[in-house]
Amino acid sequence: MATRKVLFIGLVWPEPTSSAAGTRIVQLVQLFLANGDEVHFASAASKSEFSFDLENLGIINHDIKLNDSSFDTWLAALNPNLVAFDRFMIEEQYGWRVQEKCPNALRILDTEDLHFLRQARQTALKNKKSLAQIDLYNDVTKRELAAILRCDLSLIISQAEMEVLETFKINSQILYYLPFLEEEITAISNWNTFEERKDLVFIGNYLHDPNWQTLQYLKTMVWPLLRKKLPEASLHIYGAYASEKVTQLHNPREKFLVHGRAENARTTIVQHRILLAPLLFGAGAKGKFVDAMQTGTPIATSSVGAEGMANGLDWAGIISDNLEQLVDETAALYNDQILWEKAQQNGIQIINQLYAKSKFEVPFLKQIAHLEGNLTAHRQQNFLGEVLKHHTLQSTKYMSLWIEEKNK
């Protein structure tokens, strides 16, 4: 049997040291590589000094253009068996071209997180109200759901998001729950102990608005109260793309210390006693929380931060949406070794039961093989998706062709 060709089309070149999205896409790429597939990665974005060295893994890299028919010629020559789109915007941009040139290629959408859910929560927060179902009926929802319907399978990173999609009556046959794919925790001897650690840490990519909003909340509301309870402790702020508005929050007198990018999130987090991340809005699964649990670091967060991450297991720390309670419980967790070690054990349980890649990789590859063998029938069962692919609905295609003509 010929080697399967797998093409990933990236919104950006993945940066696992900058974001959870970068980690996620590299995990998927490695999964197909380990399966013996020939893996290609293409993006119209520019590479940065932090872009992951995909070529070193044996992945063939391609620079492509937006709104340019040179992509069509290149794609037809490559003729992949499977195309994975990195976020719905990439499916909008290239999906119709894939459909025209490689109609029999299996099309997978990696949603990363549900953008429409994050957007709805952000709008609700801005309007100082709680999220209602009606808030989910926004234009981003229409675009993202259309992309999901046009694909043969969409990867959903959180069980909570699977439930959100159920409310839209999306056919479960085209959805697939695939969390972060992690190594099981077997040895903890290399972790710093309770006594060896001090201070609290927050980490995030500041191009991602939930992280910036959380940072402001920490600075103005949480830390002023928590500092009074933990006068010896500092709060260390790390993260990629820390602009001037982030760095100017640095204040040694207040023990609020902004350091910029962490070279390695896990080796940074493991030095601290608690990851303090009371997210105000967001969606998906939080890579920083996986990093914390993988280093035995308890987490103090909000309900939206922990959402879909523990699936009924005891949380690896504390969850509170009430400021005073968050502060009190974080201080107690910081000072109480027994509480702290229990939270650490909970984190080990969560990783080993819910994120161990050994539990997910083989069933996922079997599902891919099943779809490849039954693609016509699968697409007929998702006939609404076929309707959305129909040429009369393809405004994105004609917009793209128009841009291309204009650029000439």
Protein backbone atom coordinates (compact mmCIF):
# COMPACT_ATOMS: atom_id res chain seq x y z
CA MET A 1 0.00 0.00 0.00
CA ALA A 2 1.30 3.44 -0.93
CA THR A 3 2.31 5.78 1.89
CA ARG A 4 -0.51 8.13 2.81
CA LYS A 5 0.22 11.80 2.15
CA VAL A 6 -1.01 14.09 4.91
CA LEU A 7 -1.08 17.86 4.39
CA PHE A 8 -1.48 20.32 7.27
CA ILE A 9 -2.34 23.88 6.29
CA GLY A 10 -1.36 26.17 9.17
CA LEU A 11 -2.71 29.56 10.12
CA VAL A 12 0.86 30.17 11.33
CA TRP A 13 4.03 28.08 11.60
CA PRO A 14 3.56 26.33 14.96
CA GLU A 15 5.27 27.82 18.03
CA PRO A 16 4.85 25.34 20.92
CA THR A 17 6.90 27.62 23.20
CA SER A 18 4.44 30.47 22.55
CA SER A 19 0.99 28.89 22.66
CA ALA A 20 -1.09 25.81 23.36
CA ALA A 21 -2.30 25.96 19.74
CA GLY A 22 1.31 25.44 18.64
CA THR A 23 1.66 22.46 20.99
CA ARG A 24 -1.58 20.94 19.72
CA ILE A 25 -0.67 21.08 16.04
CA VAL A 26 2.81 19.63 16.66
CA GLN A 27 1.22 16.73 18.61
CA LEU A 28 -1.06 15.99 15.64
CA VAL A 29 1.78 16.19 13.14
CA GLN A 30 3.87 13.79 15.25
CA LEU A 31 0.94 11.37 15.49
CA PHE A 32 0.74 11.00 11.70
CA LEU A 33 4.53 10.82 11.39
CA ALA A 34 4.68 8.00 13.95
CA ASN A 35 2.00 6.24 11.92
CA GLY A 36 4.41 6.13 8.96
CA ASP A 37 2.63 8.79 6.90
CA GLU A 38 4.39 11.28 4.62
CA VAL A 39 3.61 14.59 6.32
CA HIS A 40 3.64 18.03 4.67
CA PHE A 41 3.08 21.37 6.39
CA ALA A 42 2.16 24.51 4.46
CA SER A 43 1.47 28.06 5.60
CA ALA A 44 1.23 31.51 4.06
CA ALA A 45 2.54 33.06 7.30
CA SER A 46 6.14 34.09 7.83
CA LYS A 47 8.32 31.98 10.08
CA SER A 48 9.62 33.50 13.31
CA GLU A 49 12.67 32.65 15.38
CA PHE A 50 10.29 30.69 17.65
CA SER A 51 8.77 28.54 14.88
CA PHE A 52 9.13 24.83 15.59
CA ASP A 53 11.73 23.01 13.47
CA LEU A 54 9.30 20.71 11.65
CA GLU A 55 11.89 19.72 9.03
CA ASN A 56 14.05 18.24 11.77
CA LEU A 57 11.22 15.76 12.45
CA GLY A 58 11.10 14.80 8.78
CA ILE A 59 8.15 16.99 7.77
CA ILE A 60 8.26 18.62 4.35
CA ASN A 61 7.64 22.38 4.58
CA HIS A 62 5.97 24.52 1.92
CA ASP A 63 5.45 28.27 1.67
CA ILE A 64 2.11 29.02 0.04
CA LYS A 65 0.23 32.18 -0.91
CA LEU A 66 -3.16 33.50 0.12
CA ASN A 67 -5.73 34.16 -2.62
CA ASP A 68 -3.47 32.81 -5.34
CA SER A 69 -4.16 30.06 -7.85
CA SER A 70 -0.51 28.93 -7.64
CA PHE A 71 -1.79 27.00 -4.58
CA ASP A 72 -4.18 25.02 -6.81
CA THR A 73 -1.43 23.91 -9.19
CA TRP A 74 0.85 22.95 -6.30
CA LEU A 75 -1.95 21.09 -4.47
CA ALA A 76 -2.96 19.10 -7.55
CA ALA A 77 0.67 18.01 -8.02
CA LEU A 78 1.03 17.03 -4.33
CA ASN A 79 -2.36 15.25 -4.37
CA PRO A 80 -2.63 14.52 -0.61
CA ASN A 81 -4.93 11.78 0.76
CA LEU A 82 -5.76 13.82 3.86
CA VAL A 83 -5.83 17.58 4.42
CA ALA A 84 -5.97 19.06 7.94
CA PHE A 85 -6.99 22.70 8.33
CA ASP A 86 -5.60 24.59 11.34
CA ARG A 87 -8.67 26.57 12.56
CA PHE A 88 -11.81 27.47 10.65
CA MET A 89 -10.31 30.56 8.97
CA ILE A 90 -7.91 28.29 7.08
CA GLU A 91 -10.78 26.04 5.93
CA GLU A 92 -12.56 29.16 4.62
CA GLN A 93 -9.44 30.24 2.77
CA TYR A 94 -8.34 26.93 1.24
CA GLY A 95 -11.21 24.46 1.70
CA TRP A 96 -12.89 25.16 -1.63
CA ARG A 97 -9.57 24.85 -3.45
CA VAL A 98 -8.98 21.45 -1.80
CA GLN A 99 -12.51 20.41 -2.76
CA GLU A 100 -11.91 21.33 -6.41
CA LYS A 101 -8.42 19.86 -6.83
CA CYS A 102 -8.54 16.88 -4.41
CA PRO A 103 -12.24 15.99 -4.00
CA ASN A 104 -11.42 12.55 -2.57
CA ALA A 105 -9.02 13.81 0.11
CA LEU A 106 -10.30 13.37 3.65
CA ARG A 107 -10.79 16.85 5.13
CA ILE A 108 -10.14 17.39 8.83
CA LEU A 109 -10.66 20.62 10.77
CA ASP A 110 -8.64 21.12 13.95
CA THR A 111 -10.81 23.71 15.69
CA GLU A 112 -8.13 24.39 18.40
CA ASP A 113 -10.96 25.82 20.49
CA LEU A 114 -14.43 27.06 19.56
CA HIS A 115 -13.73 30.63 18.52
CA PHE A 116 -17.42 31.56 18.61
CA LEU A 117 -17.70 30.45 22.24
CA ARG A 118 -14.70 32.55 23.26
CA GLN A 119 -16.06 35.52 21.30
CA ALA A 120 -19.51 35.24 22.93
CA ARG A 121 -17.95 35.11 26.41
CA GLN A 122 -15.74 38.09 25.66
CA THR A 123 -18.75 40.12 24.49
CA ALA A 124 -20.78 39.11 27.58
CA LEU A 125 -17.89 40.11 29.86
CA LYS A 126 -17.56 43.46 28.08
CA ASN A 127 -21.29 44.07 28.54
CA LYS A 128 -21.00 43.03 32.22
CA LYS A 129 -23.55 40.23 31.92
CA SER A 130 -23.47 36.45 32.15
CA LEU A 131 -23.41 34.36 28.99
CA ALA A 132 -26.81 33.41 27.56
CA GLN A 133 -27.52 30.90 24.76
CA ILE A 134 -28.59 33.76 22.49
CA ASP A 135 -25.06 35.24 22.73
CA LEU A 136 -23.78 32.18 20.85
CA TYR A 137 -25.79 33.10 17.76
CA ASN A 138 -23.18 35.45 16.32
CA ASP A 139 -21.52 35.77 12.91
CA VAL A 140 -18.39 33.90 14.04
CA THR A 141 -20.68 30.99 15.01
CA LYS A 142 -22.15 30.87 11.51
CA ARG A 143 -18.70 30.86 9.92
CA GLU A 144 -17.21 28.29 12.29
CA LEU A 145 -20.19 25.91 12.14
CA ALA A 146 -20.20 26.17 8.33
CA ALA A 147 -16.52 25.14 8.28
CA ILE A 148 -17.27 22.22 10.63
CA LEU A 149 -20.13 21.09 8.38
CA ARG A 150 -17.99 21.29 5.22
CA CYS A 151 -15.32 19.01 6.71
CA ASP A 152 -15.44 15.24 7.07
CA LEU A 153 -14.29 15.38 10.69
CA SER A 154 -13.67 18.19 13.19
CA LEU A 155 -11.38 17.70 16.17
CA ILE A 156 -12.77 19.10 19.42
CA ILE A 157 -10.32 19.53 22.29
CA SER A 158 -12.80 19.67 25.19
CA GLN A 159 -15.85 17.63 26.24
CA ALA A 160 -17.53 20.89 27.26
CA GLU A 161 -17.24 22.09 23.66
CA MET A 162 -18.71 18.81 22.40
CA GLU A 163 -21.75 19.62 24.55
CA VAL A 164 -21.97 23.17 23.15
CA LEU A 165 -21.99 21.76 19.61
CA GLU A 166 -24.79 19.33 20.57
CA THR A 167 -27.03 22.35 21.24
CA PHE A 168 -26.62 23.26 17.55
CA LYS A 169 -27.68 19.74 16.50
CA ILE A 170 -24.38 19.11 14.70
CA ASN A 171 -24.22 15.50 13.50
CA SER A 172 -22.01 13.66 16.02
CA GLN A 173 -20.54 11.58 13.15
CA ILE A 174 -18.49 14.59 12.00
CA LEU A 175 -17.19 15.51 15.47
CA TYR A 176 -14.31 13.81 17.27
CA TYR A 177 -13.15 14.48 20.82
CA LEU A 178 -9.36 14.55 20.85
CA PRO A 179 -7.73 16.24 23.87
CA PHE A 180 -4.07 17.18 24.28
CA LEU A 181 -2.00 14.01 23.72
CA GLU A 182 0.28 13.72 26.74
CA GLU A 183 2.86 11.31 28.12
CA GLU A 184 1.60 9.62 31.29
CA ILE A 185 3.16 10.77 34.56
CA THR A 186 5.12 7.83 35.99
CA ALA A 187 8.01 9.43 37.89
CA ILE A 188 7.80 12.55 40.04
CA SER A 189 11.29 12.43 41.54
CA ASN A 190 12.49 15.24 39.23
CA TRP A 191 9.79 17.63 40.47
CA ASN A 192 10.64 20.29 43.00
CA THR A 193 9.06 19.54 46.38
CA PHE A 194 6.74 21.84 48.32
CA GLU A 195 9.69 23.15 50.40
CA GLU A 196 11.87 23.68 47.31
CA ARG A 197 9.30 25.93 45.66
CA LYS A 198 8.21 29.46 46.36
CA ASP A 199 6.09 32.21 44.80
CA LEU A 200 3.27 32.06 42.26
CA VAL A 201 3.38 32.15 38.47
CA PHE A 202 1.17 33.15 35.56
CA ILE A 203 2.07 32.32 31.96
CA GLY A 204 0.40 33.03 28.63
CA ASN A 205 0.69 34.30 25.07
CA TYR A 206 -0.31 37.98 25.18
CA LEU A 207 -1.50 38.07 21.58
CA HIS A 208 -4.35 35.96 22.98
CA ASP A 209 -6.81 38.36 24.60
CA PRO A 210 -7.98 36.08 27.47
CA ASN A 211 -4.39 36.11 28.79
CA TRP A 212 -4.09 39.89 28.59
CA GLN A 213 -7.45 40.40 30.35
CA THR A 214 -6.45 37.90 33.07
CA LEU A 215 -3.13 39.67 33.57
CA GLN A 216 -4.92 42.99 34.16
CA TYR A 217 -7.30 41.26 36.61
CA LEU A 218 -4.31 39.80 38.50
CA LYS A 219 -2.59 43.18 38.66
CA THR A 220 -5.55 45.32 39.71
CA MET A 221 -7.77 42.98 41.75
CA VAL A 222 -6.24 39.65 42.75
CA TRP A 223 -2.62 40.42 43.65
CA PRO A 224 -3.28 43.49 45.84
CA LEU A 225 -5.44 41.27 48.13
CA LEU A 226 -3.32 38.13 47.91
CA ARG A 227 -0.11 40.01 48.70
CA LYS A 228 -1.52 40.97 52.09
CA LYS A 229 -2.05 37.29 52.91
CA LEU A 230 1.30 36.16 51.45
CA PRO A 231 3.68 39.08 52.19
CA GLU A 232 6.80 36.97 51.48
CA ALA A 233 5.63 35.75 48.07
CA SER A 234 6.07 37.25 44.59
CA LEU A 235 3.94 36.79 41.49
CA HIS A 236 6.04 35.98 38.41
CA ILE A 237 4.59 36.79 34.98
CA TYR A 238 5.89 34.95 31.91
CA GLY A 239 4.68 34.68 28.35
CA ALA A 240 5.25 35.16 24.66
CA TYR A 241 4.68 38.43 22.82
CA ALA A 242 4.71 40.62 25.91
CA SER A 243 4.25 44.10 24.43
CA GLU A 244 5.01 47.34 26.24
CA LYS A 245 1.56 47.38 27.86
CA VAL A 246 2.51 44.04 29.49
CA THR A 247 6.06 44.93 30.53
CA GLN A 248 5.02 48.24 32.08
CA LEU A 249 3.02 46.30 34.70
CA HIS A 250 6.35 45.14 36.17
CA ASN A 251 6.60 46.45 39.75
CA PRO A 252 9.30 45.01 42.07
CA ARG A 253 7.95 47.00 45.04
CA GLU A 254 4.63 45.18 44.68
CA LYS A 255 6.45 41.87 43.98
CA PHE A 256 4.65 41.75 40.62
CA LEU A 257 7.49 40.66 38.34
CA VAL A 258 7.14 40.60 34.54
CA HIS A 259 9.87 38.48 32.91
CA GLY A 260 8.74 38.06 29.28
CA ARG A 261 9.01 34.79 27.36
CA ALA A 262 9.83 31.55 29.18
CA GLU A 263 12.23 29.41 27.18
CA ASN A 264 10.50 26.31 28.49
CA ALA A 265 7.11 26.62 30.19
CA ARG A 266 7.46 23.45 32.24
CA THR A 267 10.92 24.12 33.64
CA THR A 268 9.68 27.62 34.55
CA ILE A 269 6.41 26.52 36.19
CA VAL A 270 8.02 23.72 38.25
CA GLN A 271 9.99 26.31 40.28
CA HIS A 272 6.79 27.84 41.66
CA ARG A 273 4.28 26.68 44.22
CA ILE A 274 1.08 27.66 42.42
CA LEU A 275 0.00 28.54 38.88
CA LEU A 276 -2.40 31.46 39.41
CA ALA A 277 -4.65 31.83 36.35
CA PRO A 278 -8.21 33.02 37.12
CA LEU A 279 -9.28 33.37 33.47
CA LEU A 280 -12.22 35.72 32.89
CA PHE A 281 -13.24 34.19 29.56
CA GLY A 282 -11.94 31.71 27.02
CA ALA A 283 -12.68 28.35 25.42
CA GLY A 284 -11.02 25.02 24.69
CA ALA A 285 -8.49 23.34 26.96
CA LYS A 286 -5.69 25.31 28.61
CA GLY A 287 -2.19 24.23 27.68
CA LYS A 288 -0.76 26.08 30.69
CA PHE A 289 -2.82 23.82 33.00
CA VAL A 290 -1.51 20.67 31.31
CA ASP A 291 2.03 22.06 31.75
CA ALA A 292 1.31 22.74 35.43
CA MET A 293 -0.08 19.24 36.08
CA GLN A 294 2.86 17.71 34.18
CA THR A 295 5.18 19.44 36.67
CA GLY A 296 3.14 18.77 39.82
CA THR A 297 2.12 22.40 40.21
CA PRO A 298 -1.34 23.07 41.72
CA ILE A 299 -3.58 25.53 39.87
CA ALA A 300 -5.80 28.33 41.16
CA THR A 301 -8.32 29.26 38.48
CA SER A 302 -11.91 30.17 37.58
CA SER A 303 -14.75 27.93 36.38
CA VAL A 304 -14.16 29.00 32.77
CA GLY A 305 -10.44 28.21 33.17
CA ALA A 306 -11.07 24.68 34.46
CA GLU A 307 -14.00 24.02 32.11
CA GLY A 308 -13.84 20.68 30.31
CA MET A 309 -10.41 19.84 31.75
CA ALA A 310 -11.15 17.49 34.66
CA ASN A 311 -14.40 15.84 33.42
CA GLY A 312 -15.69 14.92 36.89
CA LEU A 313 -12.32 14.21 38.54
CA ASP A 314 -11.18 16.31 41.51
CA TRP A 315 -9.45 19.49 40.36
CA ALA A 316 -5.68 19.95 40.72
CA GLY A 317 -6.04 22.96 43.05
CA ILE A 318 -8.89 25.41 43.46
CA ILE A 319 -11.69 26.81 41.30
CA SER A 320 -13.46 30.01 42.27
CA ASP A 321 -15.19 32.88 40.48
CA ASN A 322 -15.46 34.90 43.67
CA LEU A 323 -12.49 37.23 44.22
CA GLU A 324 -12.34 36.99 48.03
CA GLN A 325 -12.78 33.22 48.01
CA LEU A 326 -10.13 32.83 45.29
CA VAL A 327 -7.68 34.86 47.37
CA ASP A 328 -8.43 33.00 50.63
CA GLU A 329 -8.21 29.55 49.07
CA THR A 330 -5.06 30.36 47.09
CA ALA A 331 -3.35 31.55 50.28
CA ALA A 332 -4.43 28.37 52.10
CA LEU A 333 -3.19 26.18 49.25
CA TYR A 334 0.12 28.06 49.21
CA ASN A 335 0.71 27.51 52.94
CA ASP A 336 -0.72 24.04 53.55
CA GLN A 337 1.56 21.22 52.38
CA ILE A 338 -1.10 18.51 52.84
CA LEU A 339 -3.65 20.42 50.73
CA TRP A 340 -0.96 21.19 48.18
CA GLU A 341 0.18 17.57 47.80
CA LYS A 342 -3.44 16.41 47.44
CA ALA A 343 -3.90 18.93 44.58
CA GLN A 344 -0.69 17.63 43.00
CA GLN A 345 -1.99 14.03 43.15
CA ASN A 346 -5.26 15.16 41.55
CA GLY A 347 -3.25 16.62 38.68
CA ILE A 348 -1.47 13.29 38.12
CA GLN A 349 -4.88 11.53 38.01
CA ILE A 350 -6.26 14.04 35.49
CA ILE A 351 -3.27 13.69 33.12
CA ASN A 352 -3.09 9.88 33.34
CA GLN A 353 -6.82 9.26 33.03
CA LEU A 354 -7.89 12.01 30.63
CA TYR A 355 -4.88 13.04 28.53
CA ALA A 356 -2.64 9.97 28.17
CA LYS A 357 -1.94 9.73 24.47
CA SER A 358 -1.86 5.92 24.67
CA LYS A 359 -5.65 6.05 25.20
CA PHE A 360 -6.42 8.22 22.18
CA GLU A 361 -3.94 7.73 19.34
CA VAL A 362 -4.96 4.26 18.10
CA PRO A 363 -8.77 4.88 18.21
CA PHE A 364 -8.26 8.17 16.32
CA LEU A 365 -6.17 6.54 13.58
CA LYS A 366 -8.78 3.76 13.31
CA GLN A 367 -11.49 6.39 12.85
CA ILE A 368 -9.46 8.04 10.07
CA ALA A 369 -9.03 4.67 8.32
CA HIS A 370 -12.76 3.95 8.68
CA LEU A 371 -13.66 7.32 7.11
CA GLU A 372 -11.21 6.83 4.25
CA GLY A 373 -12.86 3.49 3.47
CA ASN A 374 -16.43 4.88 3.65
CA LEU A 375 -16.04 8.48 2.52
CA THR A 376 -18.94 8.66 0.05
CA ALA A 377 -21.45 7.21 2.53
CA HIS A 378 -20.05 9.41 5.31
CA ARG A 379 -20.53 12.53 3.19
CA GLN A 380 -24.07 11.53 2.27
CA GLN A 381 -24.91 11.27 5.99
CA ASN A 382 -23.65 14.84 6.38
CA PHE A 383 -25.65 16.15 3.44
CA LEU A 384 -25.96 19.63 4.94
CA GLY A 385 -22.18 19.84 4.55
CA GLU A 386 -22.51 18.95 0.87
CA VAL A 387 -25.13 21.71 0.51
CA LEU A 388 -22.71 24.22 2.04
CA LYS A 389 -20.03 23.18 -0.46
CA HIS A 390 -22.38 23.96 -3.34
CA HIS A 391 -21.03 26.72 -5.57
CA THR A 392 -23.90 29.16 -4.92
CA LEU A 393 -22.90 29.39 -1.26
CA GLN A 394 -19.21 29.92 -1.84
CA SER A 395 -18.82 33.64 -1.26
CA THR A 396 -15.33 32.99 0.16
CA LYS A 397 -14.26 31.45 -3.15
CA TYR A 398 -15.38 34.39 -5.25
CA MET A 399 -14.03 36.91 -2.77
CA SER A 400 -10.66 35.15 -3.00
CA LEU A 401 -10.72 35.09 -6.82
CA TRP A 402 -11.65 38.77 -6.83
CA ILE A 403 -8.72 39.62 -4.51
CA GLU A 404 -6.41 37.63 -6.77
CA GLU A 405 -7.53 39.56 -9.87
CA LYS A 406 -7.23 42.85 -7.99
CA ASN A 407 -3.65 41.96 -6.90
CA LYS A 408 -2.66 41.43 -10.52
